[in-house]
PDB file of all heavy atoms in Angstrom:
ATOM      1  N   HIS A   1      69.802  84.751 101.767  1.00  0.00           N
ATOM      2  CA  HIS A   1      70.901  84.061 101.080  1.00  0.00           C
ATOM      3  C   HIS A   1      71.292  84.830  99.821  1.00  0.00           C
ATOM      4  O   HIS A   1      72.478  84.973  99.504  1.00  0.00           O
ATOM      5  CB  HIS A   1      70.461  82.651 100.651  1.00  0.00           C
ATOM      6  CG  HIS A   1      70.161  81.706 101.767  1.00  0.00           C
ATOM      7  ND1 HIS A   1      70.729  81.788 103.022  1.00  0.00           N
ATOM      8  CD2 HIS A   1      69.341  80.611 101.802  1.00  0.00           C
ATOM      9  CE1 HIS A   1      70.290  80.797 103.775  1.00  0.00           C
ATOM     10  NE2 HIS A   1      69.451  80.076 103.058  1.00  0.00           N
ATOM     11  N   GLU A   2      70.270  85.306  99.102  1.00  0.00           N
ATOM     12  CA  GLU A   2      70.494  85.998  97.832  1.00  0.00           C
ATOM     13  C   GLU A   2      71.365  87.236  98.016  1.00  0.00           C
ATOM     14  O   GLU A   2      72.240  87.534  97.192  1.00  0.00           O
ATOM     15  CB  GLU A   2      69.158  86.403  97.210  1.00  0.00           C
ATOM     16  CG  GLU A   2      68.343  85.264  96.653  1.00  0.00           C
ATOM     17  CD  GLU A   2      67.470  84.553  97.673  1.00  0.00           C
ATOM     18  OE1 GLU A   2      67.668  84.737  98.898  1.00  0.00           O
ATOM     19  OE2 GLU A   2      66.591  83.787  97.254  1.00  0.00           O
ATOM     20  N   LEU A   3      71.119  87.978  99.083  1.00  0.00           N
ATOM     21  CA  LEU A   3      71.870  89.209  99.344  1.00  0.00           C
ATOM     22  C   LEU A   3      73.335  88.904  99.624  1.00  0.00           C
ATOM     23  O   LEU A   3      74.236  89.555  99.086  1.00  0.00           O
ATOM     24  CB  LEU A   3      71.245  89.966 100.512  1.00  0.00           C
ATOM     25  CG  LEU A   3      71.954  91.255 100.937  1.00  0.00           C
ATOM     26  CD1 LEU A   3      71.920  92.280  99.815  1.00  0.00           C
ATOM     27  CD2 LEU A   3      71.305  91.831 102.194  1.00  0.00           C
ATOM     28  N   LEU A   4      73.577  87.909 100.470  1.00  0.00           N
ATOM     29  CA  LEU A   4      74.962  87.558 100.802  1.00  0.00           C
ATOM     30  C   LEU A   4      75.703  87.043  99.572  1.00  0.00           C
ATOM     31  O   LEU A   4      76.839  87.451  99.309  1.00  0.00           O
ATOM     32  CB  LEU A   4      74.987  86.513 101.911  1.00  0.00           C
ATOM     33  CG  LEU A   4      76.381  86.037 102.326  1.00  0.00           C
ATOM     34  CD1 LEU A   4      77.241  87.198 102.826  1.00  0.00           C
ATOM     35  CD2 LEU A   4      76.281  84.948 103.381  1.00  0.00           C
ATOM     36  N   ALA A   5      75.064  86.170  98.800  1.00  0.00           N
ATOM     37  CA  ALA A   5      75.719  85.624  97.605  1.00  0.00           C
ATOM     38  C   ALA A   5      76.035  86.725  96.609  1.00  0.00           C
ATOM     39  O   ALA A   5      77.110  86.732  95.984  1.00  0.00           O
ATOM     40  CB  ALA A   5      74.824  84.563  96.960  1.00  0.00           C
ATOM     41  N   SER A   6      75.116  87.676  96.452  1.00  0.00           N
ATOM     42  CA  SER A   6      75.346  88.785  95.527  1.00  0.00           C
ATOM     43  C   SER A   6      76.513  89.652  95.992  1.00  0.00           C
ATOM     44  O   SER A   6      77.349  90.070  95.179  1.00  0.00           O
ATOM     45  CB  SER A   6      74.076  89.630  95.419  1.00  0.00           C
ATOM     46  OG  SER A   6      74.291  90.759  94.596  1.00  0.00           O
ATOM     47  N   ALA A   7      76.590  89.911  97.291  1.00  0.00           N
ATOM     48  CA  ALA A   7      77.683  90.727  97.827  1.00  0.00           C
ATOM     49  C   ALA A   7      79.031  90.035  97.633  1.00  0.00           C
ATOM     50  O   ALA A   7      80.031  90.672  97.262  1.00  0.00           O
ATOM     51  CB  ALA A   7      77.438  91.014  99.313  1.00  0.00           C
ATOM     52  N   LEU A   8      79.080  88.735  97.873  1.00  0.00           N
ATOM     53  CA  LEU A   8      80.326  87.985  97.700  1.00  0.00           C
ATOM     54  C   LEU A   8      80.750  87.954  96.231  1.00  0.00           C
ATOM     55  O   LEU A   8      81.922  88.150  95.910  1.00  0.00           O
ATOM     56  CB  LEU A   8      80.154  86.561  98.228  1.00  0.00           C
ATOM     57  CG  LEU A   8      79.972  86.429  99.746  1.00  0.00           C
ATOM     58  CD1 LEU A   8      79.574  85.006 100.115  1.00  0.00           C
ATOM     59  CD2 LEU A   8      81.239  86.839 100.496  1.00  0.00           C
ATOM     60  N   ALA A   9      79.784  87.737  95.343  1.00  0.00           N
ATOM     61  CA  ALA A   9      80.104  87.685  93.910  1.00  0.00           C
ATOM     62  C   ALA A   9      80.586  89.039  93.410  1.00  0.00           C
ATOM     63  O   ALA A   9      81.513  89.123  92.596  1.00  0.00           O
ATOM     64  CB  ALA A   9      78.878  87.236  93.122  1.00  0.00           C
ATOM     65  N   SER A  10      79.978  90.107  93.893  1.00  0.00           N
ATOM     66  CA  SER A  10      80.381  91.451  93.474  1.00  0.00           C
ATOM     67  C   SER A  10      81.809  91.750  93.906  1.00  0.00           C
ATOM     68  O   SER A  10      82.615  92.269  93.122  1.00  0.00           O
ATOM     69  CB  SER A  10      79.415  92.486  94.068  1.00  0.00           C
ATOM     70  OG  SER A  10      79.778  93.793  93.697  1.00  0.00           O
ATOM     71  N   ALA A  11      82.138  91.400  95.162  1.00  0.00           N
ATOM     72  CA  ALA A  11      83.498  91.636  95.650  1.00  0.00           C
ATOM     73  C   ALA A  11      84.516  90.764  94.927  1.00  0.00           C
ATOM     74  O   ALA A  11      85.648  91.178  94.673  1.00  0.00           O
ATOM     75  CB  ALA A  11      83.554  91.373  97.158  1.00  0.00           C
ATOM     76  N   ALA A  12      84.119  89.555  94.546  1.00  0.00           N
ATOM     77  CA  ALA A  12      85.045  88.611  93.920  1.00  0.00           C
ATOM     78  C   ALA A  12      85.522  89.067  92.551  1.00  0.00           C
ATOM     79  O   ALA A  12      86.530  88.579  92.042  1.00  0.00           O
ATOM     80  CB  ALA A  12      84.382  87.236  93.812  1.00  0.00           C
ATOM     81  N   LYS A  13      84.807  90.008  91.940  1.00  0.00           N
ATOM     82  CA  LYS A  13      85.239  90.524  90.635  1.00  0.00           C
ATOM     83  C   LYS A  13      86.624  91.154  90.719  1.00  0.00           C
ATOM     84  O   LYS A  13      87.327  91.254  89.717  1.00  0.00           O
ATOM     85  CB  LYS A  13      84.230  91.563  90.129  1.00  0.00           C
ATOM     86  CG  LYS A  13      82.865  90.981  89.794  1.00  0.00           C
ATOM     87  CD  LYS A  13      81.894  92.072  89.376  1.00  0.00           C
ATOM     88  CE  LYS A  13      80.510  91.496  89.084  1.00  0.00           C
ATOM     89  NZ  LYS A  13      79.536  92.567  88.722  1.00  0.00           N
ATOM     90  N   TRP A  14      86.997  91.586  91.906  1.00  0.00           N
ATOM     91  CA  TRP A  14      88.309  92.221  92.098  1.00  0.00           C
ATOM     92  C   TRP A  14      89.352  91.234  92.613  1.00  0.00           C
ATOM     93  O   TRP A  14      90.484  91.605  92.888  1.00  0.00           O
ATOM     94  CB  TRP A  14      88.182  93.390  93.079  1.00  0.00           C
ATOM     95  CG  TRP A  14      87.156  94.382  92.633  1.00  0.00           C
ATOM     96  CD1 TRP A  14      85.871  94.504  93.077  1.00  0.00           C
ATOM     97  CD2 TRP A  14      87.307  95.378  91.623  1.00  0.00           C
ATOM     98  NE1 TRP A  14      85.217  95.511  92.407  1.00  0.00           N
ATOM     99  CE2 TRP A  14      86.071  96.070  91.513  1.00  0.00           C
ATOM    100  CE3 TRP A  14      88.374  95.758  90.794  1.00  0.00           C
ATOM    101  CZ2 TRP A  14      85.882  97.106  90.613  1.00  0.00           C
ATOM    102  CZ3 TRP A  14      88.178  96.795  89.892  1.00  0.00           C
ATOM    103  CH2 TRP A  14      86.950  97.460  89.811  1.00  0.00           C
ATOM    104  N   GLY A  15      88.940  89.968  92.773  1.00  0.00           N
ATOM    105  CA  GLY A  15      89.890  88.929  93.171  1.00  0.00           C
ATOM    106  C   GLY A  15      90.066  88.774  94.668  1.00  0.00           C
ATOM    107  O   GLY A  15      90.685  87.809  95.119  1.00  0.00           O
ATOM    108  N   VAL A  16      89.548  89.718  95.443  1.00  0.00           N
ATOM    109  CA  VAL A  16      89.676  89.675  96.902  1.00  0.00           C
ATOM    110  C   VAL A  16      88.319  89.965  97.520  1.00  0.00           C
ATOM    111  O   VAL A  16      87.651  90.926  97.148  1.00  0.00           O
ATOM    112  CB  VAL A  16      90.709  90.706  97.413  1.00  0.00           C
ATOM    113  CG1 VAL A  16      90.762  90.698  98.940  1.00  0.00           C
ATOM    114  CG2 VAL A  16      92.086  90.419  96.833  1.00  0.00           C
ATOM    115  N   VAL A  17      87.907  89.128  98.479  1.00  0.00           N
ATOM    116  CA  VAL A  17      86.626  89.314  99.153  1.00  0.00           C
ATOM    117  C   VAL A  17      86.869  89.642 100.620  1.00  0.00           C
ATOM    118  O   VAL A  17      87.328  88.785 101.379  1.00  0.00           O
ATOM    119  CB  VAL A  17      85.748  88.049  99.048  1.00  0.00           C
ATOM    120  CG1 VAL A  17      84.435  88.255  99.792  1.00  0.00           C
ATOM    121  CG2 VAL A  17      85.500  87.699  97.595  1.00  0.00           C
ATOM    122  N   PRO A  18      86.609  90.881 101.046  1.00  0.00           N
ATOM    123  CA  PRO A  18      86.740  91.218 102.468  1.00  0.00           C
ATOM    124  C   PRO A  18      85.633  90.523 103.262  1.00  0.00           C
ATOM    125  O   PRO A  18      84.455  90.588 102.885  1.00  0.00           O
ATOM    126  CB  PRO A  18      86.559  92.738 102.504  1.00  0.00           C
ATOM    127  CG  PRO A  18      86.650  93.187 101.078  1.00  0.00           C
ATOM    128  CD  PRO A  18      86.198  92.035 100.246  1.00  0.00           C
ATOM    129  N   VAL A  19      85.998  89.839 104.348  1.00  0.00           N
ATOM    130  CA  VAL A  19      84.997  89.126 105.147  1.00  0.00           C
ATOM    131  C   VAL A  19      85.139  89.522 106.618  1.00  0.00           C
ATOM    132  O   VAL A  19      86.124  89.207 107.263  1.00  0.00           O
ATOM    133  CB  VAL A  19      85.121  87.595 104.975  1.00  0.00           C
ATOM    134  CG1 VAL A  19      84.535  87.155 103.659  1.00  0.00           C
ATOM    135  CG2 VAL A  19      86.570  87.137 105.057  1.00  0.00           C
ATOM    136  N   PRO A  20      84.168  90.223 107.143  1.00  0.00           N
ATOM    137  CA  PRO A  20      84.206  90.621 108.549  1.00  0.00           C
ATOM    138  C   PRO A  20      83.771  89.476 109.461  1.00  0.00           C
ATOM    139  O   PRO A  20      83.228  88.462 108.998  1.00  0.00           O
ATOM    140  CB  PRO A  20      83.185  91.763 108.600  1.00  0.00           C
ATOM    141  CG  PRO A  20      82.185  91.381 107.559  1.00  0.00           C
ATOM    142  CD  PRO A  20      82.974  90.730 106.455  1.00  0.00           C
ATOM    143  N   ARG A  21      83.989  89.622 110.742  1.00  0.00           N
ATOM    144  CA  ARG A  21      83.442  88.700 111.727  1.00  0.00           C
ATOM    145  C   ARG A  21      82.030  89.155 112.036  1.00  0.00           C
ATOM    146  O   ARG A  21      81.813  90.230 112.579  1.00  0.00           O
ATOM    147  CB  ARG A  21      84.298  88.719 112.998  1.00  0.00           C
ATOM    148  CG  ARG A  21      85.646  88.049 112.864  1.00  0.00           C
ATOM    149  CD  ARG A  21      85.524  86.534 112.826  1.00  0.00           C
ATOM    150  NE  ARG A  21      84.862  86.011 114.001  1.00  0.00           N
ATOM    151  CZ  ARG A  21      85.483  85.769 115.160  1.00  0.00           C
ATOM    152  NH1 ARG A  21      86.775  86.036 115.293  1.00  0.00           N
ATOM    153  NH2 ARG A  21      84.828  85.276 116.182  1.00  0.00           N
ATOM    154  N   ALA A  22      81.060  88.344 111.690  1.00  0.00           N
ATOM    155  CA  ALA A  22      79.669  88.687 111.955  1.00  0.00           C
ATOM    156  C   ALA A  22      78.839  87.419 111.977  1.00  0.00           C
ATOM    157  O   ALA A  22      78.942  86.591 111.068  1.00  0.00           O
ATOM    158  CB  ALA A  22      79.135  89.645 110.888  1.00  0.00           C
ATOM    159  N   ARG A  23      78.035  87.262 113.011  1.00  0.00           N
ATOM    160  CA  ARG A  23      77.136  86.114 113.097  1.00  0.00           C
ATOM    161  C   ARG A  23      75.885  86.393 112.268  1.00  0.00           C
ATOM    162  O   ARG A  23      75.313  87.472 112.332  1.00  0.00           O
ATOM    163  CB  ARG A  23      76.735  85.855 114.543  1.00  0.00           C
ATOM    164  CG  ARG A  23      77.786  85.171 115.388  1.00  0.00           C
ATOM    165  CD  ARG A  23      77.274  85.002 116.799  1.00  0.00           C
ATOM    166  NE  ARG A  23      75.998  84.271 116.836  1.00  0.00           N
ATOM    167  CZ  ARG A  23      75.107  84.386 117.817  1.00  0.00           C
ATOM    168  NH1 ARG A  23      75.319  85.243 118.813  1.00  0.00           N
ATOM    169  NH2 ARG A  23      73.986  83.684 117.793  1.00  0.00           N
ATOM    170  N   LEU A  24      75.471  85.392 111.496  1.00  0.00           N
ATOM    171  CA  LEU A  24      74.268  85.526 110.682  1.00  0.00           C
ATOM    172  C   LEU A  24      73.456  84.236 110.725  1.00  0.00           C
ATOM    173  O   LEU A  24      73.993  83.156 110.970  1.00  0.00           O
ATOM    174  CB  LEU A  24      74.630  85.833 109.222  1.00  0.00           C
ATOM    175  CG  LEU A  24      75.286  87.182 108.899  1.00  0.00           C
ATOM    176  CD1 LEU A  24      75.574  87.260 107.411  1.00  0.00           C
ATOM    177  CD2 LEU A  24      74.398  88.343 109.335  1.00  0.00           C
ATOM    178  N   ARG A  25      72.164  84.373 110.443  1.00  0.00           N
ATOM    179  CA  ARG A  25      71.273  83.228 110.212  1.00  0.00           C
ATOM    180  C   ARG A  25      70.506  83.522 108.914  1.00  0.00           C
ATOM    181  O   ARG A  25      69.302  83.765 108.948  1.00  0.00           O
ATOM    182  CB  ARG A  25      70.289  83.030 111.367  1.00  0.00           C
ATOM    183  CG  ARG A  25      70.878  82.518 112.669  1.00  0.00           C
ATOM    184  CD  ARG A  25      69.805  82.429 113.734  1.00  0.00           C
ATOM    185  NE  ARG A  25      70.305  81.976 115.009  1.00  0.00           N
ATOM    186  CZ  ARG A  25      70.228  80.719 115.458  1.00  0.00           C
ATOM    187  NH1 ARG A  25      69.668  79.791 114.691  1.00  0.00           N
ATOM    188  NH2 ARG A  25      70.693  80.393 116.640  1.00  0.00           N
ATOM    189  N   THR A  26      71.206  83.553 107.811  1.00  0.00           N
ATOM    190  CA  THR A  26      70.566  83.947 106.557  1.00  0.00           C
ATOM    191  C   THR A  26      69.458  82.962 106.182  1.00  0.00           C
ATOM    192  O   THR A  26      69.495  81.779 106.532  1.00  0.00           O
ATOM    193  CB  THR A  26      71.588  84.043 105.412  1.00  0.00           C
ATOM    194  OG1 THR A  26      72.234  82.782 105.244  1.00  0.00           O
ATOM    195  CG2 THR A  26      72.617  85.123 105.696  1.00  0.00           C
ATOM    196  N   VAL A  27      68.478  83.477 105.440  1.00  0.00           N
ATOM    197  CA  VAL A  27      67.307  82.688 105.069  1.00  0.00           C
ATOM    198  C   VAL A  27      67.051  82.833 103.572  1.00  0.00           C
ATOM    199  O   VAL A  27      67.355  83.885 102.982  1.00  0.00           O
ATOM    200  CB  VAL A  27      66.073  83.152 105.880  1.00  0.00           C
ATOM    201  CG1 VAL A  27      65.677  84.586 105.526  1.00  0.00           C
ATOM    202  CG2 VAL A  27      64.892  82.210 105.702  1.00  0.00           C
ATOM    203  N   ALA A  28      66.516  81.802 102.956  1.00  0.00           N
ATOM    204  CA  ALA A  28      66.143  81.881 101.543  1.00  0.00           C
ATOM    205  C   ALA A  28      64.989  82.862 101.396  1.00  0.00           C
ATOM    206  O   ALA A  28      64.017  82.822 102.147  1.00  0.00           O
ATOM    207  CB  ALA A  28      65.732  80.507 101.022  1.00  0.00           C
ATOM    208  N   CYS A  29      65.085  83.739 100.423  1.00  0.00           N
ATOM    209  CA  CYS A  29      64.061  84.759 100.221  1.00  0.00           C
ATOM    210  C   CYS A  29      62.674  84.141 100.038  1.00  0.00           C
ATOM    211  O   CYS A  29      61.680  84.651 100.552  1.00  0.00           O
ATOM    212  CB  CYS A  29      64.428  85.621  99.011  1.00  0.00           C
ATOM    213  SG  CYS A  29      63.328  87.015  98.750  1.00  0.00           S
ATOM    214  N   MET A  30      62.602  83.012  99.339  1.00  0.00           N
ATOM    215  CA  MET A  30      61.305  82.378  99.102  1.00  0.00           C
ATOM    216  C   MET A  30      60.677  81.915 100.395  1.00  0.00           C
ATOM    217  O   MET A  30      59.453  81.993 100.568  1.00  0.00           O
ATOM    218  CB  MET A  30      61.468  81.202  98.136  1.00  0.00           C
ATOM    219  CG  MET A  30      60.154  80.690  97.548  1.00  0.00           C
ATOM    220  SD  MET A  30      59.345  81.918  96.488  1.00  0.00           S
ATOM    221  CE  MET A  30      57.807  82.195  97.349  1.00  0.00           C
ATOM    222  N   GLU A  31      61.494  81.435 101.333  1.00  0.00           N
ATOM    223  CA  GLU A  31      60.946  81.003 102.619  1.00  0.00           C
ATOM    224  C   GLU A  31      60.416  82.191 103.411  1.00  0.00           C
ATOM    225  O   GLU A  31      59.384  82.084 104.089  1.00  0.00           O
ATOM    226  CB  GLU A  31      62.001  80.232 103.410  1.00  0.00           C
ATOM    227  CG  GLU A  31      62.339  78.891 102.783  1.00  0.00           C
ATOM    228  CD  GLU A  31      63.181  77.994 103.670  1.00  0.00           C
ATOM    229  OE1 GLU A  31      64.246  78.453 104.151  1.00  0.00           O
ATOM    230  OE2 GLU A  31      62.789  76.835 103.884  1.00  0.00           O
ATOM    231  N   ALA A  32      61.100  83.324 103.321  1.00  0.00           N
ATOM    232  CA  ALA A  32      60.588  84.540 103.966  1.00  0.00           C
ATOM    233  C   ALA A  32      59.291  84.989 103.296  1.00  0.00           C
ATOM    234  O   ALA A  32      58.349  85.439 103.958  1.00  0.00           O
ATOM    235  CB  ALA A  32      61.633  85.649 103.897  1.00  0.00           C
ATOM    236  N   ALA A  33      59.216  84.844 101.965  1.00  0.00           N
ATOM    237  CA  ALA A  33      58.010  85.239 101.235  1.00  0.00           C
ATOM    238  C   ALA A  33      56.814  84.404 101.663  1.00  0.00           C
ATOM    239  O   ALA A  33      55.686  84.920 101.756  1.00  0.00           O
ATOM    240  CB  ALA A  33      58.237  85.101  99.730  1.00  0.00           C
ATOM    241  N   TRP A  34      57.022  83.122 101.938  1.00  0.00           N
ATOM    242  CA  TRP A  34      55.918  82.280 102.411  1.00  0.00           C
ATOM    243  C   TRP A  34      55.359  82.797 103.726  1.00  0.00           C
ATOM    244  O   TRP A  34      54.145  82.796 103.938  1.00  0.00           O
ATOM    245  CB  TRP A  34      56.398  80.837 102.582  1.00  0.00           C
ATOM    246  CG  TRP A  34      56.767  80.157 101.307  1.00  0.00           C
ATOM    247  CD1 TRP A  34      56.332  80.467 100.045  1.00  0.00           C
ATOM    248  CD2 TRP A  34      57.666  79.055 101.153  1.00  0.00           C
ATOM    249  NE1 TRP A  34      56.910  79.634  99.117  1.00  0.00           N
ATOM    250  CE2 TRP A  34      57.728  78.754  99.752  1.00  0.00           C
ATOM    251  CE3 TRP A  34      58.426  78.290 102.035  1.00  0.00           C
ATOM    252  CZ2 TRP A  34      58.515  77.731  99.249  1.00  0.00           C
ATOM    253  CZ3 TRP A  34      59.212  77.265 101.531  1.00  0.00           C
ATOM    254  CH2 TRP A  34      59.253  76.988 100.156  1.00  0.00           C
ATOM    255  N   VAL A  35      56.261  83.239 104.608  1.00  0.00           N
ATOM    256  CA  VAL A  35      55.811  83.765 105.895  1.00  0.00           C
ATOM    257  C   VAL A  35      55.011  85.054 105.702  1.00  0.00           C
ATOM    258  O   VAL A  35      53.948  85.248 106.309  1.00  0.00           O
ATOM    259  CB  VAL A  35      57.012  84.012 106.831  1.00  0.00           C
ATOM    260  CG1 VAL A  35      56.551  84.626 108.150  1.00  0.00           C
ATOM    261  CG2 VAL A  35      57.768  82.719 107.097  1.00  0.00           C
TER     262      VAL A  35
END
């Protein structure tokens, strides 16, 4: 989740966010860390 949110926020600085068609099942980093 952190990676996607960071990428969206970085792109938003320019006022436009390019969004491709891509299927994802993003996960919270902390939940991955538990595993």
